[in-house]
Amino acid sequence: MSIRFGTPELNSSRARLPLIAIVGRPNAGKSTLFNRLLGERRAIVDQQPGVTRDRNIALARIGDREVLLVDTGGVDERPVEDISKAVQEQTWRAAEEADVVVALFDGREGLNPLDREMVRRLRRLSKPVIYVANKLDDPKLDTGIADFFPLGIEDIIPASAAHGRGMSELVERLVTALAGAPMNREKGQAQEPLAVAIVGRPNVGKSSLLNKIVGYERAIVHPQPGTTRDAVDSILERDGRYYVLIDTAGIRRRPKVREIVERASVSRAFRAVDRAHVVLLLLDALEGMTDQDARLASGVIERGKPLTLVFNKWDAVPLQARDPKRYRQRVAEQYPTYANFPVAFTSAQTGEGIERLFRLIRVLHARCRKQPPTSKLNECLRAAARTQPPPTVQGRPLRFYYVTQTGTVPPTLTLFTNYPELVPTSYQRYLEAQFRQSFGWFGVPLRLEFRARPRRRLGQSVPAAR
């Protein structure tokens, strides 16, 4: 799959996916249309203007073609705040890079001076533009389209992204407009990208690290906490492998998550974890690992995702304190649960540690899919039982008969025993540690399930692990 995003990523000598950008002023319904075309609620939708800031990019199917669909922030003629200016740069960069632009008007509100400026700039791009008057839920409202005729546009699609009205016509127009766009990759060339979610507390440098990796300002960076709201996808190629990097909103402690948009951002962040193959938990190297970081790590593990701890802002740590061994030791002392998880040290400013980070991602992805032979698993179980025999619980001696792997991603082992409901948590942890040590499942959630031994057939016996 030859896919590259953004100024340095978009144009490839090989076939690439066509790009469709959705633009319009704030609250015209761009994110609602994005979700409708995508077929899922990927972008945050709210009545508050300016919710979308970064470009939200996702793979979508238009007709029989795969495309990259881009949701953008609202166009603003004279942005004042630094964040607003960055939003405008992202919006117009997306329009310039797109093969087709969908320009959205608010059909209920009618013509706005911002619409006039938007149309003027889009005409200068000399590329296919499809104009849509949104929020026209009832055909009786279609007469309002005449308000936009002074712009010199007569071919405007009346639509309602919220209710699905006009979507068939829009898709037909997009299919026609895409006829001259680059063809999709050939069948047989597809390789599923490795999805990597970047999560962490606000202002630990998630967006800055993403920008450093892709080589340009893919995500807006600002000192104000909560700048990133949607989960922002970026697809890139590195060493012959394709990755989807998912930048997420900073996750705070629940009592501090107050406004509706921020709650939706946190929800999107955990949804990004659910669709990731590997998760990078970014930590502030100046602060070290905190209780909130540990809670986030626990949430990732509960979702069955491989995890690596990434101490970012490594360049800001004084040279005399820049000791990776000490950082690992501190994690082991303060948060023993994560003592054996992979640790990386990066700088979003200098790019230090990024190559090692990608090696760790590939290693964790492979570990999660590892399937040792059943015989080796049982050798490990017997050795563990010899070293530390199973305890007697409520006067009943525990016996383990055999183990088999019943799942991957995360690796799941099913152990057959005489009293599955009596296996103490401490012994479960002991067995988990033995399997993890023997088969290198570090940084990977390992699930143990305990079942009663099936009834033996006549003449058969299964030796117990003693």
Protein backbone atom coordinates (compact mmCIF):
# COMPACT_ATOMS: atom_id res chain seq x y z
CA MET A 1 0.00 0.00 0.00
CA SER A 2 1.74 3.16 -1.12
CA ILE A 3 0.13 5.85 1.02
CA ARG A 4 1.71 9.04 2.19
CA PHE A 5 0.07 12.06 3.82
CA GLY A 6 0.73 15.74 3.86
CA THR A 7 3.26 17.91 2.11
CA PRO A 8 6.20 15.47 2.33
CA GLU A 9 4.06 12.35 2.34
CA LEU A 10 1.38 12.84 -0.27
CA ASN A 11 2.96 12.51 -3.68
CA SER A 12 4.54 9.17 -4.50
CA SER A 13 6.19 7.81 -7.62
CA ARG A 14 3.95 4.78 -7.17
CA ALA A 15 0.15 4.68 -7.13
CA ARG A 16 -1.48 6.36 -4.14
CA LEU A 17 -4.94 6.83 -2.73
CA PRO A 18 -6.89 9.92 -3.90
CA LEU A 19 -7.57 12.59 -1.29
CA ILE A 20 -10.95 14.27 -0.63
CA ALA A 21 -10.96 17.33 1.65
CA ILE A 22 -14.10 18.72 3.30
CA VAL A 23 -13.94 22.47 3.97
CA GLY A 24 -16.41 25.08 5.19
CA ARG A 25 -16.93 27.65 7.91
CA PRO A 26 -17.39 26.63 11.55
CA ASN A 27 -20.52 24.63 12.33
CA ALA A 28 -21.42 24.02 8.70
CA GLY A 29 -21.51 20.29 9.49
CA LYS A 30 -18.13 19.14 8.14
CA SER A 31 -17.50 16.55 10.84
CA THR A 32 -21.05 15.23 10.51
CA LEU A 33 -20.52 14.79 6.75
CA PHE A 34 -17.12 13.19 7.39
CA ASN A 35 -18.71 10.65 9.74
CA ARG A 36 -21.57 10.01 7.27
CA LEU A 37 -19.23 9.28 4.35
CA LEU A 38 -16.97 7.22 6.56
CA GLY A 39 -19.85 5.19 7.99
CA GLU A 40 -18.79 5.62 11.62
CA ARG A 41 -18.52 8.32 14.28
CA ARG A 42 -14.80 9.03 13.95
CA ALA A 43 -14.85 12.84 14.32
CA ILE A 44 -16.25 14.70 17.32
CA VAL A 45 -19.51 16.53 16.54
CA ASP A 46 -20.72 19.32 18.82
CA GLN A 47 -22.78 22.52 18.58
CA GLN A 48 -19.78 24.48 19.83
CA PRO A 49 -17.95 26.05 16.84
CA GLY A 50 -14.30 25.18 16.22
CA VAL A 51 -14.30 21.72 17.79
CA THR A 52 -12.23 20.26 14.93
CA ARG A 53 -8.68 21.61 14.87
CA ASP A 54 -6.27 19.13 13.33
CA ARG A 55 -7.01 17.51 10.02
CA ASN A 56 -8.86 14.29 10.67
CA ILE A 57 -7.88 11.71 8.02
CA ALA A 58 -9.39 8.27 7.49
CA LEU A 59 -9.63 5.57 4.86
CA ALA A 60 -13.08 5.53 3.25
CA ARG A 61 -14.76 3.87 0.27
CA ILE A 62 -16.40 6.07 -2.35
CA GLY A 63 -18.08 3.94 -4.97
CA ASP A 64 -15.65 1.12 -5.70
CA ARG A 65 -12.54 3.10 -4.76
CA GLU A 66 -10.65 3.54 -1.53
CA VAL A 67 -9.89 7.18 -0.74
CA LEU A 68 -8.41 9.28 2.04
CA LEU A 69 -11.15 11.45 3.52
CA VAL A 70 -10.08 14.63 5.34
CA ASP A 71 -12.14 16.62 7.83
CA THR A 72 -10.79 20.14 8.48
CA GLY A 73 -11.30 23.02 10.89
CA GLY A 74 -13.69 25.82 9.93
CA VAL A 75 -12.42 28.51 7.54
CA ASP A 76 -12.01 31.92 9.14
CA GLU A 77 -11.17 35.10 7.26
CA ARG A 78 -9.08 36.77 9.94
CA PRO A 79 -8.08 34.37 12.72
CA VAL A 80 -6.74 36.15 15.81
CA GLU A 81 -5.52 33.43 18.18
CA ASP A 82 -2.40 31.38 17.42
CA ILE A 83 -4.42 28.15 17.50
CA SER A 84 -6.97 29.60 15.04
CA LYS A 85 -4.16 30.56 12.65
CA ALA A 86 -2.73 27.05 12.84
CA VAL A 87 -6.19 25.61 12.16
CA GLN A 88 -6.48 27.77 9.01
CA GLU A 89 -3.06 26.63 7.79
CA GLN A 90 -4.10 22.98 8.26
CA THR A 91 -7.40 23.59 6.45
CA TRP A 92 -5.94 25.24 3.36
CA ARG A 93 -3.02 22.82 3.21
CA ALA A 94 -5.58 20.00 3.04
CA ALA A 95 -7.47 21.78 0.24
CA GLU A 96 -4.26 22.37 -1.73
CA GLU A 97 -3.23 18.70 -1.44
CA ALA A 98 -6.66 17.26 -2.22
CA ASP A 99 -7.69 15.73 -5.54
CA VAL A 100 -11.30 16.81 -4.91
CA VAL A 101 -12.70 19.37 -2.45
CA VAL A 102 -16.18 19.25 -0.95
CA ALA A 103 -17.16 22.80 0.06
CA LEU A 104 -19.91 22.94 2.65
CA PHE A 105 -22.36 25.81 3.13
CA ASP A 106 -24.82 26.16 6.00
CA GLY A 107 -28.05 25.96 3.99
CA ARG A 108 -30.23 27.08 6.88
CA GLU A 109 -28.21 30.19 7.74
CA GLY A 110 -27.68 31.27 4.13
CA LEU A 111 -24.84 33.22 2.55
CA ASN A 112 -22.08 34.45 4.85
CA PRO A 113 -19.09 36.68 3.94
CA LEU A 114 -16.83 33.77 4.92
CA ASP A 115 -18.47 31.65 2.21
CA ARG A 116 -17.57 34.28 -0.40
CA GLU A 117 -13.92 34.29 0.67
CA MET A 118 -13.82 30.48 0.75
CA VAL A 119 -15.16 30.18 -2.81
CA ARG A 120 -12.69 32.82 -4.04
CA ARG A 121 -9.74 30.85 -2.61
CA LEU A 122 -11.00 27.50 -3.86
CA ARG A 123 -11.29 28.83 -7.43
CA ARG A 124 -7.61 29.72 -7.34
CA LEU A 125 -6.76 26.06 -6.70
CA SER A 126 -7.99 24.99 -10.16
CA LYS A 127 -9.25 21.58 -9.03
CA PRO A 128 -12.66 19.87 -8.84
CA VAL A 129 -14.85 21.42 -6.14
CA ILE A 130 -18.29 20.04 -5.23
CA TYR A 131 -20.53 22.54 -3.43
CA VAL A 132 -23.04 21.27 -0.88
CA ALA A 133 -25.71 23.22 1.03
CA ASN A 134 -25.98 21.30 4.28
CA LYS A 135 -28.68 21.17 7.00
CA LEU A 136 -31.54 21.12 4.46
CA ASP A 137 -33.46 18.30 6.14
CA ASP A 138 -36.70 19.06 4.27
CA PRO A 139 -36.95 19.56 0.47
CA LYS A 140 -39.14 22.60 1.19
CA LEU A 141 -35.99 24.36 2.38
CA ASP A 142 -34.17 23.87 -0.96
CA THR A 143 -35.23 27.32 -2.17
CA GLY A 144 -32.61 28.68 0.22
CA ILE A 145 -29.92 27.54 -2.23
CA ALA A 146 -30.71 30.65 -4.28
CA ASP A 147 -28.94 32.68 -1.57
CA PHE A 148 -25.64 31.29 -2.86
CA PHE A 149 -26.20 32.10 -6.56
CA PRO A 150 -24.42 35.50 -6.23
CA LEU A 151 -21.23 33.48 -5.74
CA GLY A 152 -21.53 32.38 -9.37
CA ILE A 153 -22.39 28.79 -8.38
CA GLU A 154 -25.58 27.24 -9.65
CA ASP A 155 -24.79 23.55 -9.23
CA ILE A 156 -25.19 23.10 -5.48
CA ILE A 157 -26.31 19.83 -3.88
CA PRO A 158 -29.06 20.24 -1.24
CA ALA A 159 -28.21 17.86 1.58
CA SER A 160 -28.48 16.91 5.22
CA ALA A 161 -25.40 15.08 6.51
CA ALA A 162 -27.19 14.43 9.80
CA HIS A 163 -30.09 12.61 8.10
CA GLY A 164 -28.35 11.23 5.01
CA ARG A 165 -30.24 13.35 2.51
CA GLY A 166 -28.35 14.09 -0.71
CA MET A 167 -25.56 11.62 0.06
CA SER A 168 -26.25 9.43 -2.99
CA GLU A 169 -25.91 12.42 -5.32
CA LEU A 170 -22.77 13.57 -3.52
CA VAL A 171 -21.17 10.14 -3.87
CA GLU A 172 -22.04 10.06 -7.61
CA ARG A 173 -20.41 13.49 -8.07
CA LEU A 174 -17.35 12.34 -6.16
CA VAL A 175 -17.02 9.19 -8.28
CA THR A 176 -17.14 11.32 -11.43
CA ALA A 177 -14.63 13.83 -10.06
CA LEU A 178 -12.27 11.04 -8.99
CA ALA A 179 -12.16 9.59 -12.50
CA GLY A 180 -9.03 11.63 -13.24
CA ALA A 181 -7.39 11.02 -9.86
CA PRO A 182 -4.53 8.50 -9.40
CA MET A 183 -5.67 4.88 -9.38
CA ASN A 184 -5.68 2.85 -6.18
CA ARG A 185 -2.90 0.42 -5.50
CA GLU A 186 -3.08 -2.84 -7.40
CA LYS A 187 -4.58 -5.90 -5.78
CA GLY A 188 -1.98 -8.08 -4.16
CA GLN A 189 0.10 -5.06 -3.08
CA ALA A 190 -1.99 -4.38 0.01
CA GLN A 191 -0.32 -4.62 3.36
CA GLU A 192 -2.29 -3.85 6.49
CA PRO A 193 -0.70 -0.82 8.15
CA LEU A 194 0.54 -1.34 11.69
CA ALA A 195 -1.66 0.96 13.83
CA VAL A 196 0.19 2.75 16.65
CA ALA A 197 -1.74 4.88 19.19
CA ILE A 198 0.17 7.67 20.94
CA VAL A 199 -1.45 8.34 24.31
CA GLY A 200 -0.57 10.24 27.46
CA ARG A 201 -1.41 13.13 29.73
CA PRO A 202 -1.86 16.65 28.24
CA ASN A 203 1.30 18.43 27.13
CA VAL A 204 3.71 15.48 27.28
CA GLY A 205 4.59 16.10 23.60
CA LYS A 206 2.39 13.65 21.68
CA SER A 207 1.66 15.99 18.76
CA SER A 208 5.23 17.29 18.70
CA LEU A 209 6.58 13.75 18.45
CA LEU A 210 4.12 12.91 15.67
CA ASN A 211 5.20 16.01 13.73
CA LYS A 212 8.87 15.07 14.14
CA ILE A 213 8.22 11.55 12.86
CA VAL A 214 6.25 12.59 9.76
CA GLY A 215 8.55 15.54 9.06
CA TYR A 216 6.07 18.43 9.04
CA GLU A 217 3.34 20.01 11.18
CA ARG A 218 0.75 17.27 10.84
CA ALA A 219 -0.82 18.08 14.24
CA ILE A 220 -1.26 21.49 15.81
CA VAL A 221 1.12 22.10 18.73
CA HIS A 222 0.26 24.75 21.33
CA PRO A 223 1.07 25.22 25.05
CA GLN A 224 -2.66 25.31 25.82
CA PRO A 225 -3.70 21.90 27.22
CA GLY A 226 -6.38 20.15 25.18
CA THR A 227 -5.24 21.47 21.78
CA THR A 228 -5.68 18.03 20.22
CA ARG A 229 -9.32 16.91 20.37
CA ASP A 230 -9.91 14.26 17.74
CA ALA A 231 -7.72 11.20 17.31
CA VAL A 232 -5.53 12.22 14.37
CA ASP A 233 -4.42 9.48 11.95
CA SER A 234 -1.25 9.72 9.86
CA ILE A 235 -0.09 6.98 7.51
CA LEU A 236 3.57 6.73 6.60
CA GLU A 237 6.10 4.27 5.26
CA ARG A 238 9.25 3.42 7.20
CA ASP A 239 11.77 0.73 6.28
CA GLY A 240 9.32 -0.93 3.91
CA ARG A 241 6.52 -1.11 6.49
CA TYR A 242 3.39 1.05 6.63
CA TYR A 243 2.18 2.55 9.89
CA VAL A 244 -0.93 4.42 11.01
CA LEU A 245 0.17 6.78 13.77
CA ILE A 246 -2.80 7.91 15.88
CA ASP A 247 -2.24 11.09 17.87
CA THR A 248 -4.79 11.36 20.67
CA ALA A 249 -6.10 13.98 23.07
CA GLY A 250 -4.36 14.25 26.43
CA ILE A 251 -6.09 12.10 29.04
CA ARG A 252 -6.59 13.67 32.47
CA ARG A 253 -7.94 12.24 35.71
CA ARG A 254 -11.71 11.79 35.49
CA PRO A 255 -12.65 14.60 37.97
CA LYS A 256 -10.78 17.07 35.75
CA VAL A 257 -12.58 16.01 32.58
CA ARG A 258 -15.44 18.48 32.64
CA GLU A 259 -16.61 19.88 29.33
CA ILE A 260 -18.51 17.72 26.86
CA VAL A 261 -15.94 18.13 24.08
CA GLU A 262 -13.09 17.05 26.37
CA ARG A 263 -15.03 13.99 27.53
CA ALA A 264 -15.59 13.10 23.87
CA SER A 265 -11.86 13.58 23.22
CA VAL A 266 -10.94 11.16 26.00
CA SER A 267 -13.48 8.67 24.65
CA ARG A 268 -11.90 8.98 21.18
CA ALA A 269 -8.44 8.43 22.71
CA PHE A 270 -9.46 5.12 24.26
CA ARG A 271 -11.24 4.16 21.05
CA ALA A 272 -7.92 4.77 19.27
CA VAL A 273 -6.29 2.36 21.74
CA ASP A 274 -8.93 -0.24 20.85
CA ARG A 275 -8.07 -0.09 17.13
CA ALA A 276 -4.28 0.06 17.63
CA HIS A 277 -1.88 -2.87 17.29
CA VAL A 278 0.68 -1.22 19.61
CA VAL A 279 0.35 1.65 22.10
CA LEU A 280 3.01 4.21 23.00
CA LEU A 281 2.44 5.78 26.42
CA LEU A 282 4.27 9.10 26.38
CA LEU A 283 5.70 10.27 29.70
CA ASP A 284 7.32 13.58 30.54
CA ALA A 285 10.98 12.73 31.17
CA LEU A 286 11.31 15.79 33.42
CA GLU A 287 8.54 14.52 35.71
CA GLY A 288 9.07 10.78 35.44
CA MET A 289 6.23 8.28 35.61
CA THR A 290 3.23 9.48 37.65
CA ASP A 291 0.20 7.76 39.18
CA GLN A 292 -1.91 9.07 36.30
CA ASP A 293 0.53 7.52 33.81
CA ALA A 294 0.26 4.21 35.67
CA ARG A 295 -3.55 4.37 35.49
CA LEU A 296 -3.36 4.99 31.75
CA ALA A 297 -0.98 2.05 31.35
CA SER A 298 -3.41 -0.14 33.28
CA GLY A 299 -6.24 0.91 30.95
CA VAL A 300 -4.15 -0.04 27.91
CA ILE A 301 -3.26 -3.44 29.37
CA GLU A 302 -6.90 -4.12 30.26
CA ARG A 303 -7.71 -3.62 26.59
CA GLY A 304 -5.16 -6.29 25.68
CA LYS A 305 -2.72 -4.01 23.82
CA PRO A 306 1.09 -4.21 23.73
CA LEU A 307 2.61 -1.20 25.46
CA THR A 308 5.91 0.61 25.59
CA LEU A 309 6.74 3.46 27.99
CA VAL A 310 8.23 6.44 26.14
CA PHE A 311 10.01 9.12 28.13
CA ASN A 312 9.74 12.17 25.87
CA LYS A 313 11.53 15.55 26.22
CA TRP A 314 14.77 13.60 26.81
CA ASP A 315 16.78 16.54 25.46
CA ALA A 316 15.45 18.75 28.28
CA VAL A 317 16.80 16.44 31.01
CA PRO A 318 20.14 17.71 32.43
CA LEU A 319 23.08 15.69 31.12
CA GLN A 320 24.08 14.44 34.58
CA ALA A 321 20.54 13.04 35.10
CA ARG A 322 20.20 11.51 31.64
CA ASP A 323 20.66 7.90 32.74
CA PRO A 324 18.25 5.37 31.13
CA LYS A 325 19.18 2.71 33.69
CA ARG A 326 18.14 4.94 36.58
CA TYR A 327 14.82 5.71 34.90
CA ARG A 328 14.08 2.01 34.42
CA GLN A 329 15.06 1.31 38.03
CA ARG A 330 12.76 4.08 39.28
CA VAL A 331 9.84 2.63 37.32
CA ALA A 332 10.56 -0.82 38.77
CA GLU A 333 10.66 0.55 42.32
CA GLN A 334 7.61 2.80 42.13
CA TYR A 335 5.45 0.78 39.72
CA PRO A 336 6.62 -2.87 39.85
CA THR A 337 3.81 -3.97 37.50
CA TYR A 338 5.63 -2.22 34.64
CA ALA A 339 9.18 -3.20 35.60
CA ASN A 340 9.61 -5.45 32.56
CA PHE A 341 7.83 -3.28 30.01
CA PRO A 342 9.96 -1.88 27.17
CA VAL A 343 11.18 1.68 27.74
CA ALA A 344 12.23 4.22 25.11
CA PHE A 345 13.72 7.72 25.43
CA THR A 346 12.84 10.28 22.76
CA SER A 347 13.05 13.93 21.91
CA ALA A 348 10.42 15.53 19.70
CA GLN A 349 12.84 18.44 19.25
CA THR A 350 15.93 16.56 18.07
CA GLY A 351 14.47 13.27 16.84
CA GLU A 352 16.60 11.28 19.28
CA GLY A 353 15.31 7.76 19.96
CA ILE A 354 12.80 7.60 17.09
CA GLU A 355 14.60 4.79 15.24
CA ARG A 356 14.67 2.64 18.39
CA LEU A 357 11.00 3.44 18.90
CA PHE A 358 10.08 1.90 15.55
CA ARG A 359 12.16 -1.18 16.30
CA LEU A 360 10.28 -1.60 19.58
CA ILE A 361 6.93 -1.23 17.79
CA ARG A 362 7.80 -4.02 15.39
CA VAL A 363 9.10 -6.26 18.20
CA LEU A 364 5.97 -5.77 20.32
CA HIS A 365 3.73 -6.46 17.34
CA ALA A 366 5.56 -9.74 16.71
CA ARG A 367 5.52 -10.75 20.39
CA CYS A 368 1.77 -10.35 20.58
CA ARG A 369 1.36 -12.86 17.75
CA LYS A 370 3.89 -15.39 19.04
CA GLN A 371 2.59 -18.97 19.31
CA PRO A 372 5.08 -21.28 21.05
CA PRO A 373 4.63 -25.04 20.57
CA THR A 374 2.22 -26.60 23.06
CA SER A 375 4.97 -28.97 24.22
CA LYS A 376 7.17 -26.01 25.20
CA LEU A 377 4.31 -24.39 27.10
CA ASN A 378 3.79 -27.59 29.09
CA GLU A 379 7.50 -27.90 29.81
CA CYS A 380 7.34 -24.38 31.26
CA LEU A 381 4.28 -25.28 33.35
CA ARG A 382 5.94 -28.40 34.79
CA ALA A 383 9.14 -26.49 35.57
CA ALA A 384 7.15 -23.74 37.31
CA ALA A 385 5.24 -26.32 39.40
CA ARG A 386 8.51 -28.01 40.43
CA THR A 387 10.12 -24.73 41.46
CA GLN A 388 7.07 -23.52 43.37
CA PRO A 389 4.49 -26.28 43.86
CA PRO A 390 0.81 -25.30 43.59
CA PRO A 391 -0.64 -24.43 47.02
CA THR A 392 -3.33 -26.22 48.98
CA VAL A 393 -6.45 -24.05 49.18
CA GLN A 394 -9.30 -24.75 51.62
CA GLY A 395 -7.73 -28.11 52.31
CA ARG A 396 -7.68 -29.01 48.62
CA PRO A 397 -4.31 -29.50 46.86
CA LEU A 398 -4.21 -27.79 43.45
CA ARG A 399 -2.95 -29.70 40.43
CA PHE A 400 -2.28 -28.41 36.95
CA TYR A 401 -2.65 -30.95 34.16
CA TYR A 402 -1.69 -29.12 30.97
CA VAL A 403 -1.73 -25.77 29.18
CA THR A 404 -2.54 -24.76 25.61
CA GLN A 405 -2.57 -21.43 23.80
CA THR A 406 -6.12 -20.48 22.86
CA GLY A 407 -5.62 -16.98 21.50
CA THR A 408 -3.30 -14.24 20.30
CA VAL A 409 -3.51 -10.43 20.46
CA PRO A 410 -3.28 -10.67 23.38
CA PRO A 411 -1.70 -14.10 23.94
CA THR A 412 -4.17 -16.23 25.90
CA LEU A 413 -3.23 -19.45 27.68
CA THR A 414 -5.80 -21.91 29.02
CA LEU A 415 -4.61 -24.03 31.96
CA PHE A 416 -6.54 -27.13 32.98
CA THR A 417 -6.66 -27.78 36.72
CA ASN A 418 -8.71 -29.66 39.26
CA TYR A 419 -10.04 -26.53 41.01
CA PRO A 420 -10.03 -23.58 38.56
CA GLU A 421 -12.02 -21.36 40.92
CA LEU A 422 -9.49 -21.78 43.74
CA VAL A 423 -6.27 -20.70 42.00
CA PRO A 424 -4.95 -17.81 44.17
CA THR A 425 -4.17 -14.51 42.50
CA SER A 426 -0.60 -14.71 43.77
CA TYR A 427 -0.04 -18.06 42.05
CA GLN A 428 -1.67 -16.78 38.86
CA ARG A 429 0.85 -13.94 38.84
CA TYR A 430 3.69 -16.38 39.47
CA LEU A 431 2.65 -18.54 36.50
CA GLU A 432 2.20 -15.46 34.31
CA ALA A 433 5.73 -14.31 35.17
CA GLN A 434 7.16 -17.74 34.33
CA PHE A 435 5.47 -17.87 30.93
CA ARG A 436 6.44 -14.27 30.21
CA GLN A 437 10.07 -14.93 31.11
CA SER A 438 10.26 -18.17 29.10
CA PHE A 439 8.70 -16.85 25.89
CA GLY A 440 9.64 -13.17 25.91
CA TRP A 441 6.13 -11.80 26.31
CA PHE A 442 7.46 -8.52 27.79
CA GLY A 443 5.33 -5.44 27.16
CA VAL A 444 2.48 -7.67 26.02
CA PRO A 445 -0.67 -8.41 28.04
CA LEU A 446 -0.78 -12.13 28.86
CA ARG A 447 -4.11 -13.65 29.81
CA LEU A 448 -4.40 -16.87 31.79
CA GLU A 449 -7.69 -18.74 31.87
CA PHE A 450 -8.30 -21.66 34.21
CA ARG A 451 -10.65 -24.53 33.41
CA ALA A 452 -11.56 -27.87 34.90
CA ARG A 453 -9.90 -30.83 33.22
CA PRO A 454 -12.17 -32.51 30.65
CA ARG A 455 -13.29 -36.02 31.47
CA ARG A 456 -10.70 -38.57 30.42
CA ARG A 457 -11.60 -41.21 27.93
CA LEU A 458 -11.21 -44.83 28.91
CA GLY A 459 -7.56 -45.87 28.80
CA GLN A 460 -6.24 -42.27 28.63
CA SER A 461 -4.46 -40.33 31.33
CA VAL A 462 -2.99 -36.87 31.53
CA PRO A 463 -0.01 -36.30 33.82
CA ALA A 464 -0.37 -33.49 36.32
CA ALA A 465 2.24 -30.76 36.67
CA ARG A 466 3.89 -31.37 40.03
